[in-house]
Amino acid sequence: FGTADPLWIARYASDPGTLPAGWSYYTMWQYTSS
């Protein structure tokens, strides 16, 4: 799905970490719930 659908990655940390296969970059990053 990485060629067409933008990735919104969820990771509550100092960086988004390893991304799922097919995406070389994230478009959005949910980084906290607080």
PDB file of all heavy atoms in Angstrom:
ATOM      1  N   PHE A   1       0.812  -1.224   0.000  1.00  0.00           N
ATOM      2  CA  PHE A   1       0.000   0.000   0.000  1.00  0.00           C
ATOM      3  C   PHE A   1       0.845   1.273   0.000  1.00  0.00           C
ATOM      4  O   PHE A   1       0.321   2.375  -0.144  1.00  0.00           O
ATOM      5  CB  PHE A   1      -0.930   0.032   1.221  1.00  0.00           C
ATOM      6  CG  PHE A   1      -1.907  -1.117   1.277  1.00  0.00           C
ATOM      7  CD1 PHE A   1      -1.991  -1.905   2.414  1.00  0.00           C
ATOM      8  CD2 PHE A   1      -2.731  -1.419   0.201  1.00  0.00           C
ATOM      9  CE1 PHE A   1      -2.893  -2.965   2.480  1.00  0.00           C
ATOM     10  CE2 PHE A   1      -3.629  -2.473   0.249  1.00  0.00           C
ATOM     11  CZ  PHE A   1      -3.707  -3.251   1.394  1.00  0.00           C
ATOM     12  N   GLY A   2       2.140   1.131   0.172  1.00  0.00           N
ATOM     13  CA  GLY A   2       2.993   2.294   0.365  1.00  0.00           C
ATOM     14  C   GLY A   2       3.131   3.220  -0.829  1.00  0.00           C
ATOM     15  O   GLY A   2       3.454   4.395  -0.656  1.00  0.00           O
ATOM     16  N   THR A   3       2.880   2.737  -2.023  1.00  0.00           N
ATOM     17  CA  THR A   3       3.062   3.589  -3.204  1.00  0.00           C
ATOM     18  C   THR A   3       1.924   4.583  -3.387  1.00  0.00           C
ATOM     19  O   THR A   3       2.102   5.611  -4.040  1.00  0.00           O
ATOM     20  CB  THR A   3       3.176   2.731  -4.477  1.00  0.00           C
ATOM     21  OG1 THR A   3       2.014   1.894  -4.581  1.00  0.00           O
ATOM     22  CG2 THR A   3       4.435   1.871  -4.437  1.00  0.00           C
ATOM     23  N   ALA A   4       0.754   4.294  -2.827  1.00  0.00           N
ATOM     24  CA  ALA A   4      -0.406   5.153  -3.064  1.00  0.00           C
ATOM     25  C   ALA A   4      -0.953   5.816  -1.804  1.00  0.00           C
ATOM     26  O   ALA A   4      -1.396   6.970  -1.862  1.00  0.00           O
ATOM     27  CB  ALA A   4      -1.522   4.342  -3.728  1.00  0.00           C
ATOM     28  N   ASP A   5      -0.944   5.106  -0.697  1.00  0.00           N
ATOM     29  CA  ASP A   5      -1.638   5.587   0.497  1.00  0.00           C
ATOM     30  C   ASP A   5      -0.659   6.184   1.505  1.00  0.00           C
ATOM     31  O   ASP A   5       0.247   5.489   1.983  1.00  0.00           O
ATOM     32  CB  ASP A   5      -2.414   4.437   1.140  1.00  0.00           C
ATOM     33  CG  ASP A   5      -3.453   3.869   0.194  1.00  0.00           C
ATOM     34  OD1 ASP A   5      -4.554   4.440   0.116  1.00  0.00           O
ATOM     35  OD2 ASP A   5      -3.152   2.860  -0.487  1.00  0.00           O
ATOM     36  N   PRO A   6      -0.825   7.458   1.871  1.00  0.00           N
ATOM     37  CA  PRO A   6       0.072   8.084   2.843  1.00  0.00           C
ATOM     38  C   PRO A   6       0.022   7.362   4.189  1.00  0.00           C
ATOM     39  O   PRO A   6      -1.029   6.866   4.604  1.00  0.00           O
ATOM     40  CB  PRO A   6      -0.487   9.512   2.969  1.00  0.00           C
ATOM     41  CG  PRO A   6      -1.268   9.737   1.712  1.00  0.00           C
ATOM     42  CD  PRO A   6      -1.831   8.404   1.353  1.00  0.00           C
ATOM     43  N   LEU A   7       1.161   7.301   4.855  1.00  0.00           N
ATOM     44  CA  LEU A   7       1.266   6.617   6.145  1.00  0.00           C
ATOM     45  C   LEU A   7       1.170   7.602   7.295  1.00  0.00           C
ATOM     46  O   LEU A   7       1.899   8.598   7.344  1.00  0.00           O
ATOM     47  CB  LEU A   7       2.595   5.868   6.235  1.00  0.00           C
ATOM     48  CG  LEU A   7       2.919   5.231   7.597  1.00  0.00           C
ATOM     49  CD1 LEU A   7       1.934   4.114   7.940  1.00  0.00           C
ATOM     50  CD2 LEU A   7       4.352   4.710   7.613  1.00  0.00           C
ATOM     51  N   TRP A   8       0.293   7.286   8.236  1.00  0.00           N
ATOM     52  CA  TRP A   8       0.196   8.002   9.508  1.00  0.00           C
ATOM     53  C   TRP A   8       0.635   7.004  10.571  1.00  0.00           C
ATOM     54  O   TRP A   8      -0.088   6.096  10.920  1.00  0.00           O
ATOM     55  CB  TRP A   8      -1.237   8.453   9.714  1.00  0.00           C
ATOM     56  CG  TRP A   8      -1.497   9.366  10.867  1.00  0.00           C
ATOM     57  CD1 TRP A   8      -0.627   9.750  11.844  1.00  0.00           C
ATOM     58  CD2 TRP A   8      -2.744  10.028  11.148  1.00  0.00           C
ATOM     59  NE1 TRP A   8      -1.245  10.606  12.727  1.00  0.00           N
ATOM     60  CE2 TRP A   8      -2.544  10.796  12.323  1.00  0.00           C
ATOM     61  CE3 TRP A   8      -3.988  10.034  10.524  1.00  0.00           C
ATOM     62  CZ2 TRP A   8      -3.574  11.558  12.891  1.00  0.00           C
ATOM     63  CZ3 TRP A   8      -5.002  10.794  11.086  1.00  0.00           C
ATOM     64  CH2 TRP A   8      -4.795  11.553  12.250  1.00  0.00           C
ATOM     65  N   ILE A   9       1.845   7.182  11.068  1.00  0.00           N
ATOM     66  CA  ILE A   9       2.423   6.196  11.972  1.00  0.00           C
ATOM     67  C   ILE A   9       2.131   6.559  13.431  1.00  0.00           C
ATOM     68  O   ILE A   9       2.136   7.737  13.797  1.00  0.00           O
ATOM     69  CB  ILE A   9       3.954   6.058  11.736  1.00  0.00           C
ATOM     70  CG1 ILE A   9       4.524   4.836  12.456  1.00  0.00           C
ATOM     71  CG2 ILE A   9       4.690   7.334  12.131  1.00  0.00           C
ATOM     72  CD1 ILE A   9       4.049   3.522  11.907  1.00  0.00           C
ATOM     73  N   ALA A  10       1.894   5.554  14.247  1.00  0.00           N
ATOM     74  CA  ALA A  10       1.660   5.751  15.677  1.00  0.00           C
ATOM     75  C   ALA A  10       2.849   5.243  16.461  1.00  0.00           C
ATOM     76  O   ALA A  10       3.183   4.064  16.395  1.00  0.00           O
ATOM     77  CB  ALA A  10       0.394   5.004  16.101  1.00  0.00           C
ATOM     78  N   ARG A  11       3.492   6.146  17.191  1.00  0.00           N
ATOM     79  CA  ARG A  11       4.579   5.734  18.085  1.00  0.00           C
ATOM     80  C   ARG A  11       4.853   6.852  19.071  1.00  0.00           C
ATOM     81  O   ARG A  11       5.186   7.968  18.670  1.00  0.00           O
ATOM     82  CB  ARG A  11       5.851   5.395  17.310  1.00  0.00           C
ATOM     83  CG  ARG A  11       6.951   4.773  18.201  1.00  0.00           C
ATOM     84  CD  ARG A  11       8.080   4.217  17.356  1.00  0.00           C
ATOM     85  NE  ARG A  11       9.031   3.449  18.148  1.00  0.00           N
ATOM     86  CZ  ARG A  11      10.230   3.912  18.540  1.00  0.00           C
ATOM     87  NH1 ARG A  11      10.618   5.135  18.196  1.00  0.00           N
ATOM     88  NH2 ARG A  11      11.034   3.155  19.256  1.00  0.00           N
ATOM     89  N   TYR A  12       4.682   6.560  20.344  1.00  0.00           N
ATOM     90  CA  TYR A  12       4.875   7.566  21.391  1.00  0.00           C
ATOM     91  C   TYR A  12       6.315   7.495  21.896  1.00  0.00           C
ATOM     92  O   TYR A  12       6.631   6.830  22.872  1.00  0.00           O
ATOM     93  CB  TYR A  12       3.887   7.335  22.534  1.00  0.00           C
ATOM     94  CG  TYR A  12       2.428   7.369  22.108  1.00  0.00           C
ATOM     95  CD1 TYR A  12       1.437   6.869  22.937  1.00  0.00           C
ATOM     96  CD2 TYR A  12       2.044   7.901  20.879  1.00  0.00           C
ATOM     97  CE1 TYR A  12       0.098   6.901  22.568  1.00  0.00           C
ATOM     98  CE2 TYR A  12       0.712   7.931  20.492  1.00  0.00           C
ATOM     99  CZ  TYR A  12      -0.256   7.427  21.344  1.00  0.00           C
ATOM    100  OH  TYR A  12      -1.571   7.458  20.975  1.00  0.00           O
ATOM    101  N   ALA A  13       7.181   8.168  21.184  1.00  0.00           N
ATOM    102  CA  ALA A  13       8.614   8.093  21.460  1.00  0.00           C
ATOM    103  C   ALA A  13       9.299   9.323  20.879  1.00  0.00           C
ATOM    104  O   ALA A  13       8.647  10.226  20.343  1.00  0.00           O
ATOM    105  CB  ALA A  13       9.195   6.813  20.862  1.00  0.00           C
ATOM    106  N   SER A  14      10.628   9.364  20.959  1.00  0.00           N
ATOM    107  CA  SER A  14      11.376  10.510  20.463  1.00  0.00           C
ATOM    108  C   SER A  14      11.537  10.490  18.943  1.00  0.00           C
ATOM    109  O   SER A  14      11.936  11.483  18.344  1.00  0.00           O
ATOM    110  CB  SER A  14      12.757  10.566  21.123  1.00  0.00           C
ATOM    111  OG  SER A  14      13.457   9.355  20.885  1.00  0.00           O
ATOM    112  N   ASP A  15      11.229   9.354  18.327  1.00  0.00           N
ATOM    113  CA  ASP A  15      11.276   9.257  16.869  1.00  0.00           C
ATOM    114  C   ASP A  15      10.240   8.225  16.428  1.00  0.00           C
ATOM    115  O   ASP A  15       9.766   7.423  17.238  1.00  0.00           O
ATOM    116  CB  ASP A  15      12.670   8.873  16.380  1.00  0.00           C
ATOM    117  CG  ASP A  15      13.118   7.528  16.917  1.00  0.00           C
ATOM    118  OD1 ASP A  15      12.563   6.502  16.483  1.00  0.00           O
ATOM    119  OD2 ASP A  15      14.010   7.497  17.788  1.00  0.00           O
ATOM    120  N   PRO A  16       9.846   8.231  15.152  1.00  0.00           N
ATOM    121  CA  PRO A  16       8.788   7.320  14.698  1.00  0.00           C
ATOM    122  C   PRO A  16       9.220   5.877  14.572  1.00  0.00           C
ATOM    123  O   PRO A  16       8.375   4.997  14.357  1.00  0.00           O
ATOM    124  CB  PRO A  16       8.393   7.902  13.338  1.00  0.00           C
ATOM    125  CG  PRO A  16       9.595   8.652  12.875  1.00  0.00           C
ATOM    126  CD  PRO A  16      10.240   9.189  14.110  1.00  0.00           C
ATOM    127  N   GLY A  17      10.504   5.599  14.683  1.00  0.00           N
ATOM    128  CA  GLY A  17      10.978   4.221  14.664  1.00  0.00           C
ATOM    129  C   GLY A  17      10.915   3.579  13.285  1.00  0.00           C
ATOM    130  O   GLY A  17      10.766   4.255  12.260  1.00  0.00           O
ATOM    131  N   THR A  18      11.016   2.268  13.264  1.00  0.00           N
ATOM    132  CA  THR A  18      10.955   1.511  12.013  1.00  0.00           C
ATOM    133  C   THR A  18       9.551   1.585  11.439  1.00  0.00           C
ATOM    134  O   THR A  18       8.560   1.360  12.136  1.00  0.00           O
ATOM    135  CB  THR A  18      11.331   0.040  12.256  1.00  0.00           C
ATOM    136  OG1 THR A  18      12.639  -0.012  12.825  1.00  0.00           O
ATOM    137  CG2 THR A  18      11.305  -0.751  10.960  1.00  0.00           C
ATOM    138  N   LEU A  19       9.457   1.886  10.156  1.00  0.00           N
ATOM    139  CA  LEU A  19       8.153   2.010   9.508  1.00  0.00           C
ATOM    140  C   LEU A  19       7.715   0.662   8.946  1.00  0.00           C
ATOM    141  O   LEU A  19       8.533  -0.220   8.675  1.00  0.00           O
ATOM    142  CB  LEU A  19       8.229   3.036   8.386  1.00  0.00           C
ATOM    143  CG  LEU A  19       8.680   4.446   8.783  1.00  0.00           C
ATOM    144  CD1 LEU A  19       8.679   5.360   7.553  1.00  0.00           C
ATOM    145  CD2 LEU A  19       7.806   5.023   9.882  1.00  0.00           C
ATOM    146  N   PRO A  20       6.409   0.478   8.729  1.00  0.00           N
ATOM    147  CA  PRO A  20       5.940  -0.755   8.098  1.00  0.00           C
ATOM    148  C   PRO A  20       6.507  -0.905   6.688  1.00  0.00           C
ATOM    149  O   PRO A  20       6.901   0.081   6.047  1.00  0.00           O
ATOM    150  CB  PRO A  20       4.409  -0.567   8.057  1.00  0.00           C
ATOM    151  CG  PRO A  20       4.104   0.469   9.084  1.00  0.00           C
ATOM    152  CD  PRO A  20       5.301   1.373   9.105  1.00  0.00           C
ATOM    153  N   ALA A  21       6.516  -2.127   6.206  1.00  0.00           N
ATOM    154  CA  ALA A  21       7.026  -2.400   4.860  1.00  0.00           C
ATOM    155  C   ALA A  21       6.246  -1.601   3.821  1.00  0.00           C
ATOM    156  O   ALA A  21       5.037  -1.410   3.938  1.00  0.00           O
ATOM    157  CB  ALA A  21       6.924  -3.889   4.554  1.00  0.00           C
ATOM    158  N   GLY A  22       6.969  -1.141   2.791  1.00  0.00           N
ATOM    159  CA  GLY A  22       6.330  -0.436   1.691  1.00  0.00           C
ATOM    160  C   GLY A  22       6.397   1.073   1.802  1.00  0.00           C
ATOM    161  O   GLY A  22       6.190   1.783   0.811  1.00  0.00           O
ATOM    162  N   TRP A  23       6.685   1.601   2.996  1.00  0.00           N
ATOM    163  CA  TRP A  23       6.790   3.042   3.188  1.00  0.00           C
ATOM    164  C   TRP A  23       8.228   3.412   3.543  1.00  0.00           C
ATOM    165  O   TRP A  23       8.777   2.919   4.521  1.00  0.00           O
ATOM    166  CB  TRP A  23       5.867   3.532   4.300  1.00  0.00           C
ATOM    167  CG  TRP A  23       4.418   3.576   3.928  1.00  0.00           C
ATOM    168  CD1 TRP A  23       3.773   4.530   3.191  1.00  0.00           C
ATOM    169  CD2 TRP A  23       3.402   2.625   4.293  1.00  0.00           C
ATOM    170  NE1 TRP A  23       2.441   4.242   3.071  1.00  0.00           N
ATOM    171  CE2 TRP A  23       2.181   3.066   3.748  1.00  0.00           C
ATOM    172  CE3 TRP A  23       3.411   1.436   5.046  1.00  0.00           C
ATOM    173  CZ2 TRP A  23       0.988   2.378   3.917  1.00  0.00           C
ATOM    174  CZ3 TRP A  23       2.218   0.741   5.210  1.00  0.00           C
ATOM    175  CH2 TRP A  23       1.032   1.214   4.649  1.00  0.00           C
ATOM    176  N   SER A  24       8.813   4.299   2.767  1.00  0.00           N
ATOM    177  CA  SER A  24      10.171   4.758   3.063  1.00  0.00           C
ATOM    178  C   SER A  24      10.159   6.011   3.936  1.00  0.00           C
ATOM    179  O   SER A  24      11.191   6.419   4.461  1.00  0.00           O
ATOM    180  CB  SER A  24      10.928   5.040   1.765  1.00  0.00           C
ATOM    181  OG  SER A  24      10.233   6.008   0.989  1.00  0.00           O
ATOM    182  N   TYR A  25       8.989   6.636   4.083  1.00  0.00           N
ATOM    183  CA  TYR A  25       8.855   7.810   4.954  1.00  0.00           C
ATOM    184  C   TYR A  25       7.413   7.880   5.440  1.00  0.00           C
ATOM    185  O   TYR A  25       6.505   7.301   4.845  1.00  0.00           O
ATOM    186  CB  TYR A  25       9.233   9.105   4.217  1.00  0.00           C
ATOM    187  CG  TYR A  25       8.329   9.429   3.046  1.00  0.00           C
ATOM    188  CD1 TYR A  25       7.197  10.245   3.204  1.00  0.00           C
ATOM    189  CD2 TYR A  25       8.601   8.920   1.779  1.00  0.00           C
ATOM    190  CE1 TYR A  25       6.371  10.535   2.129  1.00  0.00           C
ATOM    191  CE2 TYR A  25       7.790   9.201   0.702  1.00  0.00           C
ATOM    192  CZ  TYR A  25       6.671  10.003   0.882  1.00  0.00           C
ATOM    193  OH  TYR A  25       5.845  10.277  -0.181  1.00  0.00           O
ATOM    194  N   TYR A  26       7.202   8.572   6.533  1.00  0.00           N
ATOM    195  CA  TYR A  26       5.843   8.770   7.047  1.00  0.00           C
ATOM    196  C   TYR A  26       5.347  10.143   6.609  1.00  0.00           C
ATOM    197  O   TYR A  26       6.131  11.082   6.411  1.00  0.00           O
ATOM    198  CB  TYR A  26       5.810   8.655   8.574  1.00  0.00           C
ATOM    199  CG  TYR A  26       6.537   9.760   9.309  1.00  0.00           C
ATOM    200  CD1 TYR A  26       5.883  10.935   9.691  1.00  0.00           C
ATOM    201  CD2 TYR A  26       7.897   9.648   9.618  1.00  0.00           C
ATOM    202  CE1 TYR A  26       6.551  11.950  10.354  1.00  0.00           C
ATOM    203  CE2 TYR A  26       8.569  10.659  10.291  1.00  0.00           C
ATOM    204  CZ  TYR A  26       7.890  11.814  10.649  1.00  0.00           C
ATOM    205  OH  TYR A  26       8.555  12.827  11.292  1.00  0.00           O
ATOM    206  N   THR A  27       4.048  10.274   6.468  1.00  0.00           N
ATOM    207  CA  THR A  27       3.442  11.572   6.169  1.00  0.00           C
ATOM    208  C   THR A  27       3.019  12.263   7.451  1.00  0.00           C
ATOM    209  O   THR A  27       3.209  13.465   7.622  1.00  0.00           O
ATOM    210  CB  THR A  27       2.238  11.401   5.227  1.00  0.00           C
ATOM    211  OG1 THR A  27       2.698  10.842   3.993  1.00  0.00           O
ATOM    212  CG2 THR A  27       1.555  12.733   4.942  1.00  0.00           C
ATOM    213  N   MET A  28       2.443  11.485   8.383  1.00  0.00           N
ATOM    214  CA  MET A  28       2.047  12.013   9.686  1.00  0.00           C
ATOM    215  C   MET A  28       2.510  11.065  10.773  1.00  0.00           C
ATOM    216  O   MET A  28       2.720   9.885  10.522  1.00  0.00           O
ATOM    217  CB  MET A  28       0.526  12.205   9.738  1.00  0.00           C
ATOM    218  CG  MET A  28       0.030  13.317   8.828  1.00  0.00           C
ATOM    219  SD  MET A  28      -1.765  13.366   8.660  1.00  0.00           S
ATOM    220  CE  MET A  28      -2.015  12.154   7.383  1.00  0.00           C
ATOM    221  N   TRP A  29       2.661  11.614  11.971  1.00  0.00           N
ATOM    222  CA  TRP A  29       3.156  10.824  13.101  1.00  0.00           C
ATOM    223  C   TRP A  29       2.404  11.236  14.366  1.00  0.00           C
ATOM    224  O   TRP A  29       2.496  12.385  14.789  1.00  0.00           O
ATOM    225  CB  TRP A  29       4.661  11.043  13.244  1.00  0.00           C
ATOM    226  CG  TRP A  29       5.295  10.545  14.514  1.00  0.00           C
ATOM    227  CD1 TRP A  29       4.870   9.529  15.327  1.00  0.00           C
ATOM    228  CD2 TRP A  29       6.498  11.054  15.108  1.00  0.00           C
ATOM    229  NE1 TRP A  29       5.724   9.359  16.392  1.00  0.00           N
ATOM    230  CE2 TRP A  29       6.735  10.291  16.280  1.00  0.00           C
ATOM    231  CE3 TRP A  29       7.393  12.062  14.769  1.00  0.00           C
ATOM    232  CZ2 TRP A  29       7.829  10.530  17.110  1.00  0.00           C
ATOM    233  CZ3 TRP A  29       8.485  12.292  15.588  1.00  0.00           C
ATOM    234  CH2 TRP A  29       8.697  11.522  16.740  1.00  0.00           C
ATOM    235  N   GLN A  30       1.637  10.295  14.919  1.00  0.00           N
ATOM    236  CA  GLN A  30       1.004  10.544  16.218  1.00  0.00           C
ATOM    237  C   GLN A  30       2.053  10.206  17.284  1.00  0.00           C
ATOM    238  O   GLN A  30       2.421   9.051  17.451  1.00  0.00           O
ATOM    239  CB  GLN A  30      -0.249   9.684  16.399  1.00  0.00           C
ATOM    240  CG  GLN A  30      -1.034  10.023  17.668  1.00  0.00           C
ATOM    241  CD  GLN A  30      -2.122   9.017  17.975  1.00  0.00           C
ATOM    242  OE1 GLN A  30      -1.875   7.812  17.984  1.00  0.00           O
ATOM    243  NE2 GLN A  30      -3.332   9.493  18.221  1.00  0.00           N
ATOM    244  N   TYR A  31       2.501  11.230  18.005  1.00  0.00           N
ATOM    245  CA  TYR A  31       3.650  11.027  18.881  1.00  0.00           C
ATOM    246  C   TYR A  31       3.310  11.042  20.365  1.00  0.00           C
ATOM    247  O   TYR A  31       4.157  10.720  21.202  1.00  0.00           O
ATOM    248  CB  TYR A  31       4.744  12.053  18.588  1.00  0.00           C
ATOM    249  CG  TYR A  31       4.381  13.487  18.940  1.00  0.00           C
ATOM    250  CD1 TYR A  31       4.629  13.999  20.217  1.00  0.00           C
ATOM    251  CD2 TYR A  31       3.812  14.329  17.988  1.00  0.00           C
ATOM    252  CE1 TYR A  31       4.314  15.306  20.539  1.00  0.00           C
ATOM    253  CE2 TYR A  31       3.493  15.641  18.304  1.00  0.00           C
ATOM    254  CZ  TYR A  31       3.745  16.126  19.572  1.00  0.00           C
ATOM    255  OH  TYR A  31       3.413  17.422  19.892  1.00  0.00           O
ATOM    256  N   THR A  32       2.085  11.431  20.740  1.00  0.00           N
ATOM    257  CA  THR A  32       1.711  11.426  22.147  1.00  0.00           C
ATOM    258  C   THR A  32       0.197  11.383  22.306  1.00  0.00           C
ATOM    259  O   THR A  32      -0.547  11.786  21.403  1.00  0.00           O
ATOM    260  CB  THR A  32       2.258  12.668  22.879  1.00  0.00           C
ATOM    261  OG1 THR A  32       2.000  12.556  24.289  1.00  0.00           O
ATOM    262  CG2 THR A  32       1.616  13.950  22.377  1.00  0.00           C
ATOM    263  N   SER A  33      -0.247  10.913  23.474  1.00  0.00           N
ATOM    264  CA  SER A  33      -1.660  10.975  23.839  1.00  0.00           C
ATOM    265  C   SER A  33      -1.851  11.868  25.059  1.00  0.00           C
ATOM    266  O   SER A  33      -2.908  11.855  25.682  1.00  0.00           O
ATOM    267  CB  SER A  33      -2.186   9.566  24.152  1.00  0.00           C
ATOM    268  OG  SER A  33      -1.482   9.008  25.250  1.00  0.00           O
ATOM    269  N   SER A  34      -0.829  12.638  25.386  1.00  0.00           N
ATOM    270  CA  SER A  34      -0.902  13.491  26.574  1.00  0.00           C
ATOM    271  C   SER A  34      -0.407  14.907  26.297  1.00  0.00           C
ATOM    272  O   SER A  34       0.305  15.512  27.094  1.00  0.00           O
ATOM    273  CB  SER A  34      -0.100  12.871  27.724  1.00  0.00           C
ATOM    274  OG  SER A  34       1.244  12.629  27.339  1.00  0.00           O
TER     275      SER A  34
END
